[in-house]
Amino acid sequence: MKSAPYATTLGSIKALIQGLYVSMGQFLRKPVTIQYPEVQGPIDPRFRGEHALTKDEHGHMKCVACYMCATACPAECIHIEAQPAPEGKGWEGRDKIPRSFDIDMLRCIYCGFCVEACPKDAIMMTNKIPVVHDNRKDFIYGIDKLLGHYDEFGRELHKQQLREREAIHERH
């Protein structure tokens, strides 16, 4: 059975009016565009940004070169070389520390497995957005850069993350 030609025309006009209604509603909304990079939007505190090596109360890095983070990393981007720990205040209970601790950020997938695997909370992910470099060497973050990230971006965030983790453990 054939439908009347005006029925398909009315259906098309109805669909056109509905589409225009939706478009006008979107057109009249306030835009959410921000002028990045001059203005940055809010960053969630759980955002997994660039890595940092944490420090203890003596200012020494917490890493004991146990290789747990390197083992847990699915991208195999963490490379550690160990050396004996120095003697003295703040180094008690440590057999070794890293001589070098490198993360190849071009290989990193920002999964956070390294953070979860570390038994000493020696590595963390800050909420610093990864930066762009113009050569590959700048994407290999060494021990000095990772400790600098902690001083610059991670100290307060790390304390907050530890408090949140303790609160979760207390509830369970």
N, C-alpha and C. Protein backbone atom coordinates (compact mmCIF):
# COMPACT_ATOMS: atom_id res chain seq x y z
N MET A 1 0.84 -1.16 0.00
CA MET A 1 0.00 0.00 0.00
C MET A 1 0.89 1.23 0.00
N LYS A 2 0.56 2.16 -0.87
CA LYS A 2 1.34 3.38 -0.98
C LYS A 2 0.87 4.39 0.04
N SER A 3 1.89 5.11 0.65
CA SER A 3 1.49 6.17 1.58
C SER A 3 1.29 7.45 0.80
N ALA A 4 0.50 8.31 1.36
CA ALA A 4 0.22 9.57 0.69
C ALA A 4 1.47 10.42 0.68
N PRO A 5 1.73 11.16 -0.39
CA PRO A 5 2.94 11.95 -0.48
C PRO A 5 3.04 13.03 0.60
N TYR A 6 1.92 13.55 1.03
CA TYR A 6 1.98 14.58 2.07
C TYR A 6 2.40 14.02 3.43
N ALA A 7 2.18 12.71 3.69
CA ALA A 7 2.56 12.10 4.97
C ALA A 7 4.08 12.06 5.10
N THR A 8 4.80 11.71 4.04
CA THR A 8 6.26 11.69 4.11
C THR A 8 6.80 13.10 4.16
N THR A 9 6.14 14.02 3.52
CA THR A 9 6.58 15.42 3.57
C THR A 9 6.38 15.98 4.97
N LEU A 10 5.26 15.68 5.61
CA LEU A 10 5.01 16.16 6.97
C LEU A 10 6.00 15.54 7.95
N GLY A 11 6.32 14.25 7.75
CA GLY A 11 7.30 13.60 8.61
C GLY A 11 8.68 14.23 8.45
N SER A 12 9.04 14.61 7.24
CA SER A 12 10.33 15.25 7.00
C SER A 12 10.38 16.63 7.62
N ILE A 13 9.31 17.37 7.51
CA ILE A 13 9.25 18.71 8.10
C ILE A 13 9.32 18.61 9.62
N LYS A 14 8.61 17.64 10.19
CA LYS A 14 8.65 17.45 11.64
C LYS A 14 10.08 17.14 12.10
N ALA A 15 10.79 16.24 11.40
CA ALA A 15 12.16 15.90 11.75
C ALA A 15 13.08 17.11 11.60
N LEU A 16 12.85 17.93 10.58
CA LEU A 16 13.66 19.13 10.37
C LEU A 16 13.46 20.12 11.52
N ILE A 17 12.23 20.31 11.95
CA ILE A 17 11.94 21.23 13.06
C ILE A 17 12.55 20.72 14.36
N GLN A 18 12.48 19.41 14.61
CA GLN A 18 13.10 18.85 15.81
C GLN A 18 14.61 19.05 15.79
N GLY A 19 15.24 18.85 14.65
CA GLY A 19 16.68 19.05 14.52
C GLY A 19 17.06 20.50 14.74
N LEU A 20 16.28 21.43 14.19
CA LEU A 20 16.55 22.86 14.39
C LEU A 20 16.36 23.25 15.85
N TYR A 21 15.40 22.65 16.52
CA TYR A 21 15.16 22.93 17.94
C TYR A 21 16.38 22.52 18.78
N VAL A 22 16.90 21.32 18.51
CA VAL A 22 18.09 20.85 19.23
C VAL A 22 19.28 21.76 18.93
N SER A 23 19.46 22.11 17.67
CA SER A 23 20.59 22.98 17.29
C SER A 23 20.49 24.35 17.95
N MET A 24 19.32 24.93 17.99
CA MET A 24 19.16 26.26 18.62
C MET A 24 19.41 26.18 20.13
N GLY A 25 18.99 25.08 20.74
CA GLY A 25 19.26 24.91 22.17
C GLY A 25 20.75 24.88 22.45
N GLN A 26 21.52 24.20 21.61
CA GLN A 26 22.98 24.15 21.78
C GLN A 26 23.61 25.51 21.45
N PHE A 27 23.07 26.19 20.47
CA PHE A 27 23.60 27.49 20.06
C PHE A 27 23.46 28.53 21.16
N LEU A 28 22.40 28.45 21.93
CA LEU A 28 22.14 29.45 22.97
C LEU A 28 22.85 29.15 24.29
N ARG A 29 23.45 27.98 24.43
CA ARG A 29 24.19 27.65 25.65
C ARG A 29 25.49 28.44 25.74
N LYS A 30 25.94 28.63 26.97
CA LYS A 30 27.22 29.30 27.18
C LYS A 30 28.34 28.33 26.77
N PRO A 31 29.32 28.78 25.99
CA PRO A 31 30.40 27.87 25.58
C PRO A 31 31.31 27.50 26.75
N VAL A 32 31.90 26.32 26.68
CA VAL A 32 32.78 25.85 27.74
C VAL A 32 34.25 25.87 27.31
N THR A 33 34.53 26.55 26.25
CA THR A 33 35.89 26.62 25.73
C THR A 33 36.78 27.41 26.68
N ILE A 34 37.98 26.88 26.93
CA ILE A 34 38.96 27.63 27.71
C ILE A 34 40.14 27.94 26.80
N GLN A 35 40.87 28.97 27.10
CA GLN A 35 41.99 29.40 26.28
C GLN A 35 43.27 28.72 26.74
N TYR A 36 43.34 27.41 26.48
CA TYR A 36 44.52 26.64 26.84
C TYR A 36 45.66 27.03 25.90
N PRO A 37 46.88 27.19 26.31
CA PRO A 37 47.50 26.90 27.59
C PRO A 37 47.54 28.09 28.54
N GLU A 38 47.07 29.25 28.12
CA GLU A 38 47.08 30.41 29.02
C GLU A 38 46.21 30.17 30.24
N VAL A 39 45.06 29.57 30.04
CA VAL A 39 44.14 29.24 31.12
C VAL A 39 44.01 27.72 31.15
N GLN A 40 44.25 27.14 32.30
CA GLN A 40 44.12 25.69 32.42
C GLN A 40 42.89 25.35 33.24
N GLY A 41 42.22 24.31 32.82
CA GLY A 41 41.04 23.86 33.54
C GLY A 41 41.41 23.16 34.83
N PRO A 42 40.41 22.85 35.64
CA PRO A 42 40.70 22.17 36.91
C PRO A 42 41.23 20.75 36.67
N ILE A 43 42.17 20.34 37.51
CA ILE A 43 42.75 19.00 37.41
C ILE A 43 42.31 18.20 38.62
N ASP A 44 41.77 17.03 38.38
CA ASP A 44 41.34 16.15 39.46
C ASP A 44 42.56 15.73 40.28
N PRO A 45 42.46 15.69 41.60
CA PRO A 45 43.61 15.29 42.41
C PRO A 45 44.07 13.86 42.15
N ARG A 46 43.21 13.03 41.57
CA ARG A 46 43.60 11.65 41.26
C ARG A 46 44.19 11.51 39.86
N PHE A 47 44.36 12.61 39.16
CA PHE A 47 44.94 12.59 37.82
C PHE A 47 46.35 12.00 37.87
N ARG A 48 46.66 11.10 36.97
CA ARG A 48 47.99 10.48 36.93
C ARG A 48 48.86 11.25 35.95
N GLY A 49 49.66 12.16 36.49
CA GLY A 49 50.55 12.96 35.67
C GLY A 49 51.97 12.44 35.74
N GLU A 50 52.91 13.37 35.74
CA GLU A 50 54.32 12.98 35.73
C GLU A 50 54.72 12.35 37.06
N HIS A 51 55.71 11.48 37.00
CA HIS A 51 56.19 10.75 38.17
C HIS A 51 57.09 11.61 39.04
N ALA A 52 57.22 11.20 40.30
CA ALA A 52 58.15 11.83 41.24
C ALA A 52 58.65 10.77 42.21
N LEU A 53 59.90 10.92 42.63
CA LEU A 53 60.44 10.09 43.70
C LEU A 53 60.26 10.84 45.00
N THR A 54 59.72 10.17 46.01
CA THR A 54 59.41 10.83 47.27
C THR A 54 60.62 10.82 48.20
N LYS A 55 60.54 11.68 49.21
CA LYS A 55 61.61 11.81 50.19
C LYS A 55 61.06 11.54 51.59
N ASP A 56 61.96 11.11 52.49
CA ASP A 56 61.56 10.88 53.87
C ASP A 56 61.75 12.14 54.70
N GLU A 57 61.56 12.03 56.01
CA GLU A 57 61.66 13.20 56.89
C GLU A 57 63.08 13.76 56.99
N HIS A 58 64.08 12.97 56.57
CA HIS A 58 65.47 13.44 56.59
C HIS A 58 65.87 14.10 55.27
N GLY A 59 64.96 14.09 54.29
CA GLY A 59 65.26 14.64 52.98
C GLY A 59 65.92 13.66 52.03
N HIS A 60 66.03 12.39 52.45
CA HIS A 60 66.61 11.36 51.60
C HIS A 60 65.49 10.71 50.78
N MET A 61 65.83 10.26 49.58
CA MET A 61 64.82 9.55 48.80
C MET A 61 64.45 8.25 49.50
N LYS A 62 63.17 7.90 49.38
CA LYS A 62 62.68 6.70 50.05
C LYS A 62 63.03 5.41 49.32
N CYS A 63 63.40 5.50 48.07
CA CYS A 63 63.64 4.32 47.24
C CYS A 63 64.78 3.47 47.82
N VAL A 64 64.54 2.16 47.89
CA VAL A 64 65.55 1.22 48.38
C VAL A 64 66.03 0.31 47.25
N ALA A 65 65.77 0.68 46.02
CA ALA A 65 66.21 -0.07 44.83
C ALA A 65 65.81 -1.53 44.90
N CYS A 66 64.54 -1.78 45.19
CA CYS A 66 64.04 -3.15 45.27
C CYS A 66 63.57 -3.68 43.92
N TYR A 67 63.47 -2.82 42.93
CA TYR A 67 63.08 -3.17 41.56
C TYR A 67 61.62 -3.60 41.43
N MET A 68 60.82 -3.38 42.44
CA MET A 68 59.40 -3.77 42.36
C MET A 68 58.66 -2.95 41.31
N CYS A 69 58.96 -1.65 41.25
CA CYS A 69 58.28 -0.79 40.27
C CYS A 69 58.67 -1.19 38.85
N ALA A 70 59.94 -1.46 38.64
CA ALA A 70 60.40 -1.87 37.31
C ALA A 70 59.80 -3.21 36.90
N THR A 71 59.63 -4.10 37.86
CA THR A 71 59.04 -5.41 37.57
C THR A 71 57.55 -5.28 37.24
N ALA A 72 56.86 -4.40 37.94
CA ALA A 72 55.41 -4.24 37.73
C ALA A 72 55.07 -3.46 36.47
N CYS A 73 56.01 -2.72 35.93
CA CYS A 73 55.74 -1.84 34.80
C CYS A 73 55.49 -2.65 33.53
N PRO A 74 54.28 -2.58 32.94
CA PRO A 74 54.01 -3.34 31.72
C PRO A 74 54.74 -2.79 30.50
N ALA A 75 55.10 -1.51 30.53
CA ALA A 75 55.79 -0.90 29.39
C ALA A 75 57.31 -1.05 29.49
N GLU A 76 57.79 -1.56 30.62
CA GLU A 76 59.23 -1.73 30.86
C GLU A 76 60.00 -0.44 30.62
N CYS A 77 59.50 0.64 31.18
CA CYS A 77 60.13 1.94 30.96
C CYS A 77 60.97 2.41 32.14
N ILE A 78 61.02 1.65 33.23
CA ILE A 78 61.78 2.05 34.42
C ILE A 78 63.07 1.24 34.47
N HIS A 79 64.19 1.95 34.61
CA HIS A 79 65.51 1.31 34.65
C HIS A 79 66.23 1.80 35.91
N ILE A 80 66.66 0.85 36.74
CA ILE A 80 67.30 1.18 38.02
C ILE A 80 68.66 0.49 38.11
N GLU A 81 69.64 1.22 38.60
CA GLU A 81 70.93 0.63 38.97
C GLU A 81 71.13 0.92 40.45
N ALA A 82 71.47 -0.12 41.22
CA ALA A 82 71.59 0.01 42.67
C ALA A 82 73.04 0.23 43.09
N GLN A 83 73.17 0.80 44.28
CA GLN A 83 74.47 0.95 44.94
C GLN A 83 74.25 0.77 46.43
N PRO A 84 75.31 0.46 47.21
CA PRO A 84 75.13 0.32 48.66
C PRO A 84 74.67 1.64 49.28
N ALA A 85 73.83 1.53 50.27
CA ALA A 85 73.34 2.72 50.97
C ALA A 85 74.46 3.31 51.83
N PRO A 86 74.54 4.63 51.92
CA PRO A 86 75.56 5.24 52.78
C PRO A 86 75.25 5.02 54.26
N GLU A 87 76.25 5.14 55.07
CA GLU A 87 76.08 5.03 56.52
C GLU A 87 75.66 6.40 57.06
N GLY A 88 74.97 6.40 58.19
CA GLY A 88 74.64 7.66 58.83
C GLY A 88 73.18 7.81 59.14
N LYS A 89 72.85 8.97 59.68
CA LYS A 89 71.49 9.26 60.12
C LYS A 89 70.53 9.30 58.93
N GLY A 90 69.43 8.59 59.10
CA GLY A 90 68.40 8.55 58.06
C GLY A 90 68.55 7.40 57.09
N TRP A 91 69.68 6.75 57.07
CA TRP A 91 69.91 5.64 56.15
C TRP A 91 69.79 4.29 56.83
N GLU A 92 69.41 4.26 58.10
CA GLU A 92 69.31 3.00 58.82
C GLU A 92 68.26 2.09 58.17
N GLY A 93 68.56 0.81 58.16
CA GLY A 93 67.61 -0.17 57.63
C GLY A 93 67.60 -0.28 56.12
N ARG A 94 68.50 0.38 55.44
CA ARG A 94 68.55 0.31 53.99
C ARG A 94 69.85 -0.36 53.56
N ASP A 95 69.73 -1.37 52.75
CA ASP A 95 70.92 -2.05 52.23
C ASP A 95 71.45 -1.34 50.99
N LYS A 96 70.51 -0.84 50.17
CA LYS A 96 70.94 -0.20 48.93
C LYS A 96 69.99 0.93 48.57
N ILE A 97 70.48 1.78 47.69
CA ILE A 97 69.71 2.89 47.13
C ILE A 97 70.00 2.93 45.63
N PRO A 98 69.18 3.61 44.85
CA PRO A 98 69.48 3.66 43.42
C PRO A 98 70.65 4.59 43.09
N ARG A 99 71.55 4.11 42.27
CA ARG A 99 72.60 4.97 41.71
C ARG A 99 71.98 5.77 40.57
N SER A 100 71.17 5.09 39.78
CA SER A 100 70.41 5.77 38.73
C SER A 100 68.99 5.21 38.73
N PHE A 101 68.06 6.08 38.45
CA PHE A 101 66.65 5.71 38.39
C PHE A 101 66.09 6.49 37.21
N ASP A 102 65.86 5.82 36.11
CA ASP A 102 65.41 6.49 34.88
C ASP A 102 64.04 5.96 34.47
N ILE A 103 63.20 6.88 34.03
CA ILE A 103 61.90 6.52 33.47
C ILE A 103 61.84 7.10 32.06
N ASP A 104 61.64 6.24 31.09
CA ASP A 104 61.48 6.67 29.71
C ASP A 104 60.01 7.04 29.50
N MET A 105 59.74 8.34 29.51
CA MET A 105 58.35 8.80 29.45
C MET A 105 57.70 8.56 28.08
N LEU A 106 58.50 8.30 27.06
CA LEU A 106 57.91 7.97 25.76
C LEU A 106 57.32 6.57 25.75
N ARG A 107 57.79 5.72 26.62
CA ARG A 107 57.27 4.36 26.72
C ARG A 107 56.20 4.24 27.80
N CYS A 108 56.20 5.14 28.77
CA CYS A 108 55.28 5.06 29.90
C CYS A 108 53.84 5.19 29.44
N ILE A 109 52.96 4.39 30.03
CA ILE A 109 51.54 4.45 29.70
C ILE A 109 50.72 5.04 30.85
N TYR A 110 51.40 5.56 31.87
CA TYR A 110 50.75 6.25 33.00
C TYR A 110 49.69 5.38 33.67
N CYS A 111 49.99 4.10 33.83
CA CYS A 111 49.03 3.17 34.41
C CYS A 111 49.01 3.22 35.94
N GLY A 112 50.13 3.61 36.56
CA GLY A 112 50.19 3.68 38.01
C GLY A 112 50.57 2.38 38.69
N PHE A 113 50.91 1.34 37.92
CA PHE A 113 51.30 0.07 38.53
C PHE A 113 52.57 0.22 39.36
N CYS A 114 53.48 1.09 38.92
CA CYS A 114 54.72 1.30 39.66
C CYS A 114 54.43 1.87 41.05
N VAL A 115 53.46 2.75 41.14
CA VAL A 115 53.09 3.35 42.41
C VAL A 115 52.49 2.30 43.34
N GLU A 116 51.62 1.47 42.79
CA GLU A 116 50.98 0.43 43.59
C GLU A 116 51.96 -0.63 44.05
N ALA A 117 52.98 -0.93 43.23
CA ALA A 117 53.92 -2.00 43.55
C ALA A 117 54.94 -1.59 44.59
N CYS A 118 55.21 -0.32 44.76
CA CYS A 118 56.29 0.13 45.64
C CYS A 118 55.94 -0.08 47.11
N PRO A 119 56.74 -0.87 47.84
CA PRO A 119 56.44 -1.13 49.25
C PRO A 119 56.80 0.04 50.17
N LYS A 120 57.55 1.00 49.69
CA LYS A 120 58.01 2.12 50.52
C LYS A 120 57.36 3.45 50.16
N ASP A 121 56.37 3.45 49.28
CA ASP A 121 55.76 4.69 48.78
C ASP A 121 56.82 5.64 48.25
N ALA A 122 57.80 5.09 47.54
CA ALA A 122 58.93 5.88 47.07
C ALA A 122 58.66 6.54 45.73
N ILE A 123 57.65 6.09 45.02
CA ILE A 123 57.33 6.70 43.72
C ILE A 123 55.86 7.10 43.74
N MET A 124 55.58 8.22 43.15
CA MET A 124 54.21 8.71 43.08
C MET A 124 53.98 9.36 41.73
N MET A 125 52.72 9.61 41.43
CA MET A 125 52.38 10.34 40.22
C MET A 125 51.79 11.67 40.65
N THR A 126 52.38 12.75 40.19
CA THR A 126 51.89 14.08 40.53
C THR A 126 50.71 14.41 39.63
N ASN A 127 50.10 15.56 39.84
CA ASN A 127 49.05 15.99 38.93
C ASN A 127 49.58 17.00 37.91
N LYS A 128 50.89 16.95 37.66
CA LYS A 128 51.52 17.80 36.65
C LYS A 128 51.26 17.19 35.28
N ILE A 129 50.75 17.99 34.38
CA ILE A 129 50.48 17.52 33.03
C ILE A 129 51.80 17.29 32.32
N PRO A 130 51.97 16.15 31.64
CA PRO A 130 53.22 15.89 30.93
C PRO A 130 53.52 16.98 29.90
N VAL A 131 54.78 17.36 29.82
CA VAL A 131 55.18 18.43 28.92
C VAL A 131 55.70 17.86 27.61
N VAL A 132 55.82 18.73 26.63
CA VAL A 132 56.30 18.36 25.31
C VAL A 132 57.74 18.82 25.18
N HIS A 133 58.58 17.96 24.64
CA HIS A 133 59.98 18.30 24.40
C HIS A 133 60.26 18.17 22.90
N ASP A 134 61.40 18.70 22.48
CA ASP A 134 61.72 18.64 21.06
C ASP A 134 62.76 17.59 20.71
N ASN A 135 63.24 16.82 21.70
CA ASN A 135 64.12 15.70 21.39
C ASN A 135 63.87 14.56 22.37
N ARG A 136 64.27 13.37 21.98
CA ARG A 136 63.96 12.17 22.74
C ARG A 136 64.67 12.11 24.09
N LYS A 137 65.88 12.67 24.18
CA LYS A 137 66.65 12.59 25.43
C LYS A 137 65.94 13.29 26.59
N ASP A 138 65.19 14.35 26.30
CA ASP A 138 64.50 15.09 27.35
C ASP A 138 63.34 14.30 27.95
N PHE A 139 62.91 13.24 27.28
CA PHE A 139 61.82 12.41 27.80
C PHE A 139 62.30 11.32 28.74
N ILE A 140 63.60 11.18 28.94
CA ILE A 140 64.13 10.22 29.90
C ILE A 140 64.39 10.98 31.18
N TYR A 141 63.55 10.74 32.17
CA TYR A 141 63.63 11.45 33.44
C TYR A 141 64.56 10.71 34.38
N GLY A 142 65.61 11.37 34.81
CA GLY A 142 66.57 10.79 35.73
C GLY A 142 66.19 11.05 37.17
N ILE A 143 67.05 10.60 38.05
CA ILE A 143 66.78 10.68 39.48
C ILE A 143 66.66 12.13 39.96
N ASP A 144 67.48 13.03 39.44
CA ASP A 144 67.42 14.43 39.86
C ASP A 144 66.11 15.08 39.45
N LYS A 145 65.67 14.82 38.24
CA LYS A 145 64.41 15.40 37.77
C LYS A 145 63.22 14.84 38.55
N LEU A 146 63.26 13.54 38.84
CA LEU A 146 62.16 12.91 39.58
C LEU A 146 62.09 13.42 41.02
N LEU A 147 63.24 13.64 41.65
CA LEU A 147 63.24 14.23 43.00
C LEU A 147 62.80 15.69 42.96
N GLY A 148 63.17 16.40 41.90
CA GLY A 148 62.72 17.78 41.73
C GLY A 148 61.22 17.89 41.55
N HIS A 149 60.62 16.92 40.86
CA HIS A 149 59.16 16.92 40.72
C HIS A 149 58.48 16.80 42.07
N TYR A 150 59.07 16.02 42.96
CA TYR A 150 58.48 15.87 44.29
C TYR A 150 58.52 17.21 45.03
N ASP A 151 59.66 17.87 44.99
CA ASP A 151 59.77 19.17 45.67
C ASP A 151 58.83 20.21 45.07
N GLU A 152 58.70 20.18 43.75
CA GLU A 152 57.93 21.21 43.07
C GLU A 152 56.42 20.95 43.07
N PHE A 153 56.03 19.70 42.85
CA PHE A 153 54.61 19.40 42.66
C PHE A 153 54.02 18.40 43.63
N GLY A 154 54.85 17.55 44.22
CA GLY A 154 54.29 16.39 44.87
C GLY A 154 54.24 16.35 46.37
N ARG A 155 54.95 17.22 47.06
CA ARG A 155 55.04 17.09 48.52
C ARG A 155 53.67 17.12 49.18
N GLU A 156 52.89 18.15 48.93
CA GLU A 156 51.56 18.26 49.56
C GLU A 156 50.59 17.22 49.00
N LEU A 157 50.68 16.97 47.70
CA LEU A 157 49.81 15.97 47.09
C LEU A 157 50.08 14.59 47.68
N HIS A 158 51.35 14.27 47.93
CA HIS A 158 51.71 12.97 48.50
C HIS A 158 51.14 12.83 49.91
N LYS A 159 51.24 13.87 50.71
CA LYS A 159 50.67 13.82 52.06
C LYS A 159 49.16 13.60 51.99
N GLN A 160 48.50 14.27 51.07
CA GLN A 160 47.06 14.12 50.92
C GLN A 160 46.71 12.70 50.47
N GLN A 161 47.48 12.14 49.55
CA GLN A 161 47.23 10.78 49.07
C GLN A 161 47.42 9.76 50.19
N LEU A 162 48.44 9.96 51.02
CA LEU A 162 48.67 9.05 52.14
C LEU A 162 47.52 9.11 53.15
N ARG A 163 47.01 10.33 53.43
CA ARG A 163 45.87 10.47 54.35
C ARG A 163 44.64 9.76 53.79
N GLU A 164 44.39 9.92 52.50
CA GLU A 164 43.24 9.26 51.88
C GLU A 164 43.38 7.74 51.93
N ARG A 165 44.59 7.24 51.68
CA ARG A 165 44.84 5.81 51.71
C ARG A 165 44.62 5.25 53.11
N GLU A 166 45.10 5.98 54.13
CA GLU A 166 44.90 5.54 55.51
C GLU A 166 43.42 5.52 55.87
N ALA A 167 42.67 6.52 55.41
CA ALA A 167 41.25 6.57 55.70
C ALA A 167 40.53 5.39 55.05
N ILE A 168 40.93 5.00 53.86
CA ILE A 168 40.31 3.85 53.18
C ILE A 168 40.62 2.57 53.95
N HIS A 169 41.86 2.42 54.40
CA HIS A 169 42.23 1.21 55.16
C HIS A 169 41.51 1.14 56.49
N GLU A 170 41.25 2.27 57.11
CA GLU A 170 40.54 2.28 58.40
C GLU A 170 39.09 1.84 58.21
N ARG A 171 38.49 2.19 57.08
CA ARG A 171 37.10 1.81 56.83
C ARG A 171 36.95 0.33 56.58
N HIS A 172 38.00 -0.32 56.09
CA HIS A 172 37.89 -1.75 55.75
C HIS A 172 38.42 -2.58 56.80
